Amino acid sequence: MASHLAKQMERRLDRLRLLPFRYRDYGALVSLGRHTTVGNLKGASSERSVFIKGQVARLMYKALYKMHELSLHGAGEVVFKTLARSL
């Protein structure tokens, strides 16, 4: 939603027509403690969802978490904090 808003603000400032927002559900991942993660993933072209759990879901959750950290804090801080946590 934020990327759509940013593009629409630019369009508004350029006095262009605003485009409608379309919600796309890519699924959800939920961490249920240190060792359990579950989720459902939806494909971009279909309404079907796939239920995932266990190590695959945990790896996907950790990867998504790292992507969010990178976007908020930058690579240097994320690498430093990841190394500090692993010690």
PDB file of N, CA and C in Angstrom:
ATOM      1  N   MET A   1       0.818  -1.189   0.000  1.00  0.00           N
ATOM      2  CA  MET A   1       0.000   0.000   0.000  1.00  0.00           C
ATOM      3  C   MET A   1       0.861   1.251   0.000  1.00  0.00           C
ATOM      4  N   ALA A   2       1.992   1.192   0.693  1.00  0.00           N
ATOM      5  CA  ALA A   2       2.845   2.375   0.769  1.00  0.00           C
ATOM      6  C   ALA A   2       3.431   2.734  -0.593  1.00  0.00           C
ATOM      7  N   SER A   3       3.839   1.735  -1.355  1.00  0.00           N
ATOM      8  CA  SER A   3       4.405   2.034  -2.674  1.00  0.00           C
ATOM      9  C   SER A   3       3.331   2.625  -3.598  1.00  0.00           C
ATOM     10  N   HIS A   4       2.105   2.124  -3.479  1.00  0.00           N
ATOM     11  CA  HIS A   4       1.010   2.687  -4.276  1.00  0.00           C
ATOM     12  C   HIS A   4       0.769   4.150  -3.887  1.00  0.00           C
ATOM     13  N   LEU A   5       0.763   4.410  -2.588  1.00  0.00           N
ATOM     14  CA  LEU A   5       0.556   5.777  -2.110  1.00  0.00           C
ATOM     15  C   LEU A   5       1.647   6.713  -2.619  1.00  0.00           C
ATOM     16  N   ALA A   6       2.894   6.267  -2.568  1.00  0.00           N
ATOM     17  CA  ALA A   6       3.995   7.111  -3.031  1.00  0.00           C
ATOM     18  C   ALA A   6       3.832   7.446  -4.514  1.00  0.00           C
ATOM     19  N   LYS A   7       3.463   6.454  -5.316  1.00  0.00           N
ATOM     20  CA  LYS A   7       3.265   6.707  -6.746  1.00  0.00           C
ATOM     21  C   LYS A   7       2.093   7.653  -6.986  1.00  0.00           C
ATOM     22  N   GLN A   8       1.043   7.501  -6.199  1.00  0.00           N
ATOM     23  CA  GLN A   8      -0.125   8.356  -6.368  1.00  0.00           C
ATOM     24  C   GLN A   8       0.166   9.797  -5.954  1.00  0.00           C
ATOM     25  N   MET A   9       1.003   9.960  -4.942  1.00  0.00           N
ATOM     26  CA  MET A   9       1.384  11.316  -4.532  1.00  0.00           C
ATOM     27  C   MET A   9       2.153  12.014  -5.654  1.00  0.00           C
ATOM     28  N   GLU A  10       3.049  11.259  -6.307  1.00  0.00           N
ATOM     29  CA  GLU A  10       3.776  11.833  -7.440  1.00  0.00           C
ATOM     30  C   GLU A  10       2.807  12.209  -8.562  1.00  0.00           C
ATOM     31  N   ARG A  11       1.859  11.310  -8.851  1.00  0.00           N
ATOM     32  CA  ARG A  11       0.872  11.586  -9.898  1.00  0.00           C
ATOM     33  C   ARG A  11       0.045  12.819  -9.545  1.00  0.00           C
ATOM     34  N   ARG A  12      -0.326  12.939  -8.280  1.00  0.00           N
ATOM     35  CA  ARG A  12      -1.134  14.081  -7.828  1.00  0.00           C
ATOM     36  C   ARG A  12      -0.362  15.388  -8.019  1.00  0.00           C
ATOM     37  N   LEU A  13       0.926  15.375  -7.644  1.00  0.00           N
ATOM     38  CA  LEU A  13       1.744  16.575  -7.798  1.00  0.00           C
ATOM     39  C   LEU A  13       1.938  16.941  -9.263  1.00  0.00           C
ATOM     40  N   ASP A  14       1.968  15.932 -10.128  1.00  0.00           N
ATOM     41  CA  ASP A  14       2.090  16.175 -11.575  1.00  0.00           C
ATOM     42  C   ASP A  14       0.740  16.438 -12.231  1.00  0.00           C
ATOM     43  N   ARG A  15      -0.314  16.499 -11.410  1.00  0.00           N
ATOM     44  CA  ARG A  15      -1.680  16.745 -11.872  1.00  0.00           C
ATOM     45  C   ARG A  15      -2.166  15.696 -12.872  1.00  0.00           C
ATOM     46  N   LEU A  16      -1.766  14.437 -12.603  1.00  0.00           N
ATOM     47  CA  LEU A  16      -2.226  13.308 -13.416  1.00  0.00           C
ATOM     48  C   LEU A  16      -3.370  12.602 -12.705  1.00  0.00           C
ATOM     49  N   ARG A  17      -4.108  11.811 -13.459  1.00  0.00           N
ATOM     50  CA  ARG A  17      -5.227  11.046 -12.898  1.00  0.00           C
ATOM     51  C   ARG A  17      -4.695   9.980 -11.928  1.00  0.00           C
ATOM     52  N   LEU A  18      -5.359   9.843 -10.781  1.00  0.00           N
ATOM     53  CA  LEU A  18      -4.964   8.828  -9.803  1.00  0.00           C
ATOM     54  C   LEU A  18      -5.447   7.457 -10.256  1.00  0.00           C
ATOM     55  N   LEU A  19      -4.640   6.451  -9.981  1.00  0.00           N
ATOM     56  CA  LEU A  19      -4.974   5.085 -10.355  1.00  0.00           C
ATOM     57  C   LEU A  19      -5.614   4.363  -9.170  1.00  0.00           C
ATOM     58  N   PRO A  20      -6.542   3.439  -9.423  1.00  0.00           N
ATOM     59  CA  PRO A  20      -7.185   2.732  -8.319  1.00  0.00           C
ATOM     60  C   PRO A  20      -6.216   1.755  -7.640  1.00  0.00           C
ATOM     61  N   PHE A  21      -6.446   1.527  -6.377  1.00  0.00           N
ATOM     62  CA  PHE A  21      -5.641   0.577  -5.610  1.00  0.00           C
ATOM     63  C   PHE A  21      -6.249  -0.813  -5.741  1.00  0.00           C
ATOM     64  N   ARG A  22      -5.418  -1.802  -5.986  1.00  0.00           N
ATOM     65  CA  ARG A  22      -5.866  -3.198  -6.026  1.00  0.00           C
ATOM     66  C   ARG A  22      -5.103  -3.988  -4.982  1.00  0.00           C
ATOM     67  N   TYR A  23      -5.827  -4.544  -4.029  1.00  0.00           N
ATOM     68  CA  TYR A  23      -5.205  -5.348  -2.976  1.00  0.00           C
ATOM     69  C   TYR A  23      -4.818  -6.710  -3.523  1.00  0.00           C
ATOM     70  N   ARG A  24      -3.609  -7.142  -3.236  1.00  0.00           N
ATOM     71  CA  ARG A  24      -3.128  -8.459  -3.642  1.00  0.00           C
ATOM     72  C   ARG A  24      -2.701  -9.206  -2.387  1.00  0.00           C
ATOM     73  N   ASP A  25      -3.364 -10.297  -2.106  1.00  0.00           N
ATOM     74  CA  ASP A  25      -3.045 -11.106  -0.929  1.00  0.00           C
ATOM     75  C   ASP A  25      -2.026 -12.162  -1.312  1.00  0.00           C
ATOM     76  N   TYR A  26      -0.820 -12.051  -0.754  1.00  0.00           N
ATOM     77  CA  TYR A  26       0.236 -13.016  -1.038  1.00  0.00           C
ATOM     78  C   TYR A  26       0.312 -14.096   0.036  1.00  0.00           C
ATOM     79  N   GLY A  27      -0.579 -14.045   1.011  1.00  0.00           N
ATOM     80  CA  GLY A  27      -0.588 -15.033   2.070  1.00  0.00           C
ATOM     81  C   GLY A  27      -0.094 -14.449   3.375  1.00  0.00           C
ATOM     82  N   ALA A  28       0.207 -15.342   4.314  1.00  0.00           N
ATOM     83  CA  ALA A  28       0.653 -14.906   5.629  1.00  0.00           C
ATOM     84  C   ALA A  28       1.588 -15.938   6.227  1.00  0.00           C
ATOM     85  N   LEU A  29       2.542 -15.461   7.032  1.00  0.00           N
ATOM     86  CA  LEU A  29       3.433 -16.315   7.798  1.00  0.00           C
ATOM     87  C   LEU A  29       3.329 -15.883   9.248  1.00  0.00           C
ATOM     88  N   VAL A  30       3.223 -16.853  10.149  1.00  0.00           N
ATOM     89  CA  VAL A  30       3.084 -16.546  11.565  1.00  0.00           C
ATOM     90  C   VAL A  30       4.074 -17.380  12.355  1.00  0.00           C
ATOM     91  N   SER A  31       4.888 -16.708  13.156  1.00  0.00           N
ATOM     92  CA  SER A  31       5.811 -17.402  14.042  1.00  0.00           C
ATOM     93  C   SER A  31       5.079 -17.693  15.343  1.00  0.00           C
ATOM     94  N   LEU A  32       5.072 -18.959  15.721  1.00  0.00           N
ATOM     95  CA  LEU A  32       4.390 -19.379  16.953  1.00  0.00           C
ATOM     96  C   LEU A  32       5.410 -19.791  18.009  1.00  0.00           C
ATOM     97  N   GLY A  33       6.428 -18.993  18.180  1.00  0.00           N
ATOM     98  CA  GLY A  33       7.485 -19.311  19.130  1.00  0.00           C
ATOM     99  C   GLY A  33       8.804 -19.503  18.413  1.00  0.00           C
ATOM    100  N   ARG A  34       9.776 -20.000  19.137  1.00  0.00           N
ATOM    101  CA  ARG A  34      11.117 -20.145  18.562  1.00  0.00           C
ATOM    102  C   ARG A  34      11.212 -21.236  17.510  1.00  0.00           C
ATOM    103  N   HIS A  35      10.387 -22.265  17.611  1.00  0.00           N
ATOM    104  CA  HIS A  35      10.578 -23.433  16.760  1.00  0.00           C
ATOM    105  C   HIS A  35       9.412 -23.764  15.842  1.00  0.00           C
ATOM    106  N   THR A  36       8.348 -22.991  15.873  1.00  0.00           N
ATOM    107  CA  THR A  36       7.182 -23.321  15.065  1.00  0.00           C
ATOM    108  C   THR A  36       6.742 -22.111  14.240  1.00  0.00           C
ATOM    109  N   THR A  37       6.561 -22.333  12.962  1.00  0.00           N
ATOM    110  CA  THR A  37       6.055 -21.303  12.059  1.00  0.00           C
ATOM    111  C   THR A  37       5.078 -21.963  11.105  1.00  0.00           C
ATOM    112  N   VAL A  38       3.981 -21.288  10.829  1.00  0.00           N
ATOM    113  CA  VAL A  38       2.993 -21.786   9.877  1.00  0.00           C
ATOM    114  C   VAL A  38       2.614 -20.647   8.943  1.00  0.00           C
ATOM    115  N   GLY A  39       2.029 -21.017   7.824  1.00  0.00           N
ATOM    116  CA  GLY A  39       1.599 -19.973   6.908  1.00  0.00           C
ATOM    117  C   GLY A  39       0.811 -20.514   5.743  1.00  0.00           C
ATOM    118  N   ASN A  40       0.216 -19.618   5.011  1.00  0.00           N
ATOM    119  CA  ASN A  40      -0.407 -19.969   3.747  1.00  0.00           C
ATOM    120  C   ASN A  40       0.092 -18.984   2.704  1.00  0.00           C
ATOM    121  N   LEU A  41       0.442 -19.515   1.552  1.00  0.00           N
ATOM    122  CA  LEU A  41       0.982 -18.700   0.471  1.00  0.00           C
ATOM    123  C   LEU A  41       0.043 -18.765  -0.709  1.00  0.00           C
ATOM    124  N   LYS A  42      -0.172 -17.633  -1.315  1.00  0.00           N
ATOM    125  CA  LYS A  42      -1.036 -17.564  -2.493  1.00  0.00           C
ATOM    126  C   LYS A  42      -0.195 -17.183  -3.698  1.00  0.00           C
ATOM    127  N   GLY A  43      -0.476 -17.820  -4.810  1.00  0.00           N
ATOM    128  CA  GLY A  43       0.213 -17.484  -6.041  1.00  0.00           C
ATOM    129  C   GLY A  43      -0.306 -16.180  -6.612  1.00  0.00           C
ATOM    130  N   ALA A  44       0.510 -15.549  -7.421  1.00  0.00           N
ATOM    131  CA  ALA A  44       0.124 -14.269  -8.009  1.00  0.00           C
ATOM    132  C   ALA A  44      -0.992 -14.432  -9.039  1.00  0.00           C
ATOM    133  N   SER A  45      -1.078 -15.609  -9.663  1.00  0.00           N
ATOM    134  CA  SER A  45      -2.051 -15.772 -10.740  1.00  0.00           C
ATOM    135  C   SER A  45      -3.251 -16.640 -10.369  1.00  0.00           C
ATOM    136  N   SER A  46      -3.298 -17.167  -9.152  1.00  0.00           N
ATOM    137  CA  SER A  46      -4.422 -18.031  -8.796  1.00  0.00           C
ATOM    138  C   SER A  46      -4.944 -17.698  -7.411  1.00  0.00           C
ATOM    139  N   GLU A  47      -6.141 -18.150  -7.135  1.00  0.00           N
ATOM    140  CA  GLU A  47      -6.760 -17.928  -5.827  1.00  0.00           C
ATOM    141  C   GLU A  47      -6.447 -19.058  -4.849  1.00  0.00           C
ATOM    142  N   ARG A  48      -5.812 -20.107  -5.330  1.00  0.00           N
ATOM    143  CA  ARG A  48      -5.482 -21.234  -4.458  1.00  0.00           C
ATOM    144  C   ARG A  48      -4.355 -20.859  -3.508  1.00  0.00           C
ATOM    145  N   SER A  49      -4.395 -21.406  -2.302  1.00  0.00           N
ATOM    146  CA  SER A  49      -3.328 -21.156  -1.353  1.00  0.00           C
ATOM    147  C   SER A  49      -2.702 -22.476  -0.936  1.00  0.00           C
ATOM    148  N   VAL A  50      -1.452 -22.408  -0.538  1.00  0.00           N
ATOM    149  CA  VAL A  50      -0.702 -23.578  -0.105  1.00  0.00           C
ATOM    150  C   VAL A  50      -0.363 -23.385   1.355  1.00  0.00           C
ATOM    151  N   PHE A  51      -0.708 -24.360   2.188  1.00  0.00           N
ATOM    152  CA  PHE A  51      -0.394 -24.309   3.610  1.00  0.00           C
ATOM    153  C   PHE A  51       1.028 -24.821   3.801  1.00  0.00           C
ATOM    154  N   ILE A  52       1.852 -24.077   4.542  1.00  0.00           N
ATOM    155  CA  ILE A  52       3.211 -24.523   4.823  1.00  0.00           C
ATOM    156  C   ILE A  52       3.440 -24.502   6.327  1.00  0.00           C
ATOM    157  N   LYS A  53       4.346 -25.354   6.768  1.00  0.00           N
ATOM    158  CA  LYS A  53       4.706 -25.385   8.191  1.00  0.00           C
ATOM    159  C   LYS A  53       6.101 -25.977   8.320  1.00  0.00           C
ATOM    160  N   GLY A  54       6.631 -25.941   9.496  1.00  0.00           N
ATOM    161  CA  GLY A  54       7.929 -26.541   9.757  1.00  0.00           C
ATOM    162  C   GLY A  54       9.094 -25.689   9.285  1.00  0.00           C
ATOM    163  N   GLN A  55      10.175 -26.374   8.891  1.00  0.00           N
ATOM    164  CA  GLN A  55      11.415 -25.696   8.540  1.00  0.00           C
ATOM    165  C   GLN A  55      11.282 -24.787   7.313  1.00  0.00           C
ATOM    166  N   VAL A  56      10.500 -25.214   6.332  1.00  0.00           N
ATOM    167  CA  VAL A  56      10.311 -24.378   5.145  1.00  0.00           C
ATOM    168  C   VAL A  56       9.659 -23.060   5.533  1.00  0.00           C
ATOM    169  N   ALA A  57       8.616 -23.125   6.329  1.00  0.00           N
ATOM    170  CA  ALA A  57       7.936 -21.906   6.771  1.00  0.00           C
ATOM    171  C   ALA A  57       8.866 -21.050   7.624  1.00  0.00           C
ATOM    172  N   ARG A  58       9.664 -21.690   8.477  1.00  0.00           N
ATOM    173  CA  ARG A  58      10.587 -20.948   9.345  1.00  0.00           C
ATOM    174  C   ARG A  58      11.633 -20.199   8.520  1.00  0.00           C
ATOM    175  N   LEU A  59      12.193 -20.878   7.508  1.00  0.00           N
ATOM    176  CA  LEU A  59      13.185 -20.231   6.642  1.00  0.00           C
ATOM    177  C   LEU A  59      12.580 -19.050   5.889  1.00  0.00           C
ATOM    178  N   MET A  60      11.358 -19.227   5.403  1.00  0.00           N
ATOM    179  CA  MET A  60      10.694 -18.134   4.690  1.00  0.00           C
ATOM    180  C   MET A  60      10.420 -16.963   5.633  1.00  0.00           C
ATOM    181  N   TYR A  61      10.021 -17.267   6.866  1.00  0.00           N
ATOM    182  CA  TYR A  61       9.753 -16.223   7.848  1.00  0.00           C
ATOM    183  C   TYR A  61      11.037 -15.448   8.157  1.00  0.00           C
ATOM    184  N   LYS A  62      12.133 -16.172   8.373  1.00  0.00           N
ATOM    185  CA  LYS A  62      13.401 -15.506   8.677  1.00  0.00           C
ATOM    186  C   LYS A  62      13.864 -14.646   7.500  1.00  0.00           C
ATOM    187  N   ALA A  63      13.705 -15.151   6.280  1.00  0.00           N
ATOM    188  CA  ALA A  63      14.108 -14.377   5.103  1.00  0.00           C
ATOM    189  C   ALA A  63      13.273 -13.104   4.984  1.00  0.00           C
ATOM    190  N   LEU A  64      11.976 -13.210   5.201  1.00  0.00           N
ATOM    191  CA  LEU A  64      11.109 -12.041   5.138  1.00  0.00           C
ATOM    192  C   LEU A  64      11.471 -11.032   6.222  1.00  0.00           C
ATOM    193  N   TYR A  65      11.778 -11.533   7.422  1.00  0.00           N
ATOM    194  CA  TYR A  65      12.181 -10.671   8.528  1.00  0.00           C
ATOM    195  C   TYR A  65      13.468  -9.916   8.178  1.00  0.00           C
ATOM    196  N   LYS A  66      14.436 -10.609   7.587  1.00  0.00           N
ATOM    197  CA  LYS A  66      15.697  -9.962   7.208  1.00  0.00           C
ATOM    198  C   LYS A  66      15.464  -8.905   6.123  1.00  0.00           C
ATOM    199  N   MET A  67      14.564  -9.181   5.198  1.00  0.00           N
ATOM    200  CA  MET A  67      14.253  -8.198   4.161  1.00  0.00           C
ATOM    201  C   MET A  67      13.666  -6.923   4.768  1.00  0.00           C
ATOM    202  N   HIS A  68      12.795  -7.091   5.767  1.00  0.00           N
ATOM    203  CA  HIS A  68      12.225  -5.918   6.434  1.00  0.00           C
ATOM    204  C   HIS A  68      13.308  -5.154   7.200  1.00  0.00           C
ATOM    205  N   GLU A  69      14.190  -5.879   7.900  1.00  0.00           N
ATOM    206  CA  GLU A  69      15.283  -5.224   8.618  1.00  0.00           C
ATOM    207  C   GLU A  69      16.157  -4.424   7.655  1.00  0.00           C
ATOM    208  N   LEU A  70      16.494  -5.025   6.514  1.00  0.00           N
ATOM    209  CA  LEU A  70      17.330  -4.336   5.526  1.00  0.00           C
ATOM    210  C   LEU A  70      16.686  -3.047   5.039  1.00  0.00           C
ATOM    211  N   SER A  71      15.402  -3.104   4.768  1.00  0.00           N
ATOM    212  CA  SER A  71      14.734  -1.899   4.262  1.00  0.00           C
ATOM    213  C   SER A  71      14.647  -0.805   5.322  1.00  0.00           C
ATOM    214  N   LEU A  72      14.582  -1.192   6.584  1.00  0.00           N
ATOM    215  CA  LEU A  72      14.474  -0.193   7.650  1.00  0.00           C
ATOM    216  C   LEU A  72      15.825   0.330   8.137  1.00  0.00           C
ATOM    217  N   HIS A  73      16.822  -0.570   8.266  1.00  0.00           N
ATOM    218  CA  HIS A  73      18.063  -0.201   8.944  1.00  0.00           C
ATOM    219  C   HIS A  73      19.302  -0.196   8.067  1.00  0.00           C
ATOM    220  N   GLY A  74      19.256  -0.794   6.899  1.00  0.00           N
ATOM    221  CA  GLY A  74      20.423  -0.854   6.033  1.00  0.00           C
ATOM    222  C   GLY A  74      21.269  -2.091   6.292  1.00  0.00           C
ATOM    223  N   ALA A  75      22.097  -2.411   5.317  1.00  0.00           N
ATOM    224  CA  ALA A  75      22.865  -3.658   5.360  1.00  0.00           C
ATOM    225  C   ALA A  75      23.874  -3.705   6.503  1.00  0.00           C
ATOM    226  N   GLY A  76      24.579  -2.621   6.748  1.00  0.00           N
ATOM    227  CA  GLY A  76      25.608  -2.625   7.790  1.00  0.00           C
ATOM    228  C   GLY A  76      25.069  -2.982   9.151  1.00  0.00           C
ATOM    229  N   GLU A  77      23.997  -2.342   9.537  1.00  0.00           N
ATOM    230  CA  GLU A  77      23.417  -2.600  10.856  1.00  0.00           C
ATOM    231  C   GLU A  77      22.832  -4.006  10.952  1.00  0.00           C
ATOM    232  N   VAL A  78      22.211  -4.474   9.880  1.00  0.00           N
ATOM    233  CA  VAL A  78      21.616  -5.817   9.886  1.00  0.00           C
ATOM    234  C   VAL A  78      22.699  -6.881  10.023  1.00  0.00           C
ATOM    235  N   VAL A  79      23.798  -6.729   9.283  1.00  0.00           N
ATOM    236  CA  VAL A  79      24.901  -7.695   9.379  1.00  0.00           C
ATOM    237  C   VAL A  79      25.479  -7.685  10.788  1.00  0.00           C
ATOM    238  N   PHE A  80      25.719  -6.499  11.325  1.00  0.00           N
ATOM    239  CA  PHE A  80      26.273  -6.396  12.666  1.00  0.00           C
ATOM    240  C   PHE A  80      25.359  -7.036  13.706  1.00  0.00           C
ATOM    241  N   LYS A  81      24.064  -6.737  13.665  1.00  0.00           N
ATOM    242  CA  LYS A  81      23.155  -7.283  14.655  1.00  0.00           C
ATOM    243  C   LYS A  81      22.975  -8.793  14.485  1.00  0.00           C
ATOM    244  N   THR A  82      22.999  -9.282  13.246  1.00  0.00           N
ATOM    245  CA  THR A  82      22.884 -10.712  13.014  1.00  0.00           C
ATOM    246  C   THR A  82      24.086 -11.444  13.584  1.00  0.00           C
ATOM    247  N   LEU A  83      25.274 -10.898  13.352  1.00  0.00           N
ATOM    248  CA  LEU A  83      26.490 -11.505  13.922  1.00  0.00           C
ATOM    249  C   LEU A  83      26.469 -11.454  15.446  1.00  0.00           C
ATOM    250  N   ALA A  84      26.026 -10.342  15.996  1.00  0.00           N
ATOM    251  CA  ALA A  84      25.966 -10.206  17.450  1.00  0.00           C
ATOM    252  C   ALA A  84      24.989 -11.215  18.052  1.00  0.00           C
ATOM    253  N   ARG A  85      23.845 -11.435  17.401  1.00  0.00           N
ATOM    254  CA  ARG A  85      22.883 -12.404  17.907  1.00  0.00           C
ATOM    255  C   ARG A  85      23.408 -13.827  17.846  1.00  0.00           C
ATOM    256  N   SER A  86      24.204 -14.127  16.821  1.00  0.00           N
ATOM    257  CA  SER A  86      24.684 -15.494  16.666  1.00  0.00           C
ATOM    258  C   SER A  86      25.785 -15.828  17.668  1.00  0.00           C
ATOM    259  N   LEU A  87      26.435 -14.808  18.227  1.00  0.00           N
ATOM    260  CA  LEU A  87      27.456 -15.038  19.255  1.00  0.00           C
ATOM    261  C   LEU A  87      26.773 -15.299  20.561  1.00  0.00           C
TER     262      LEU A  87
END
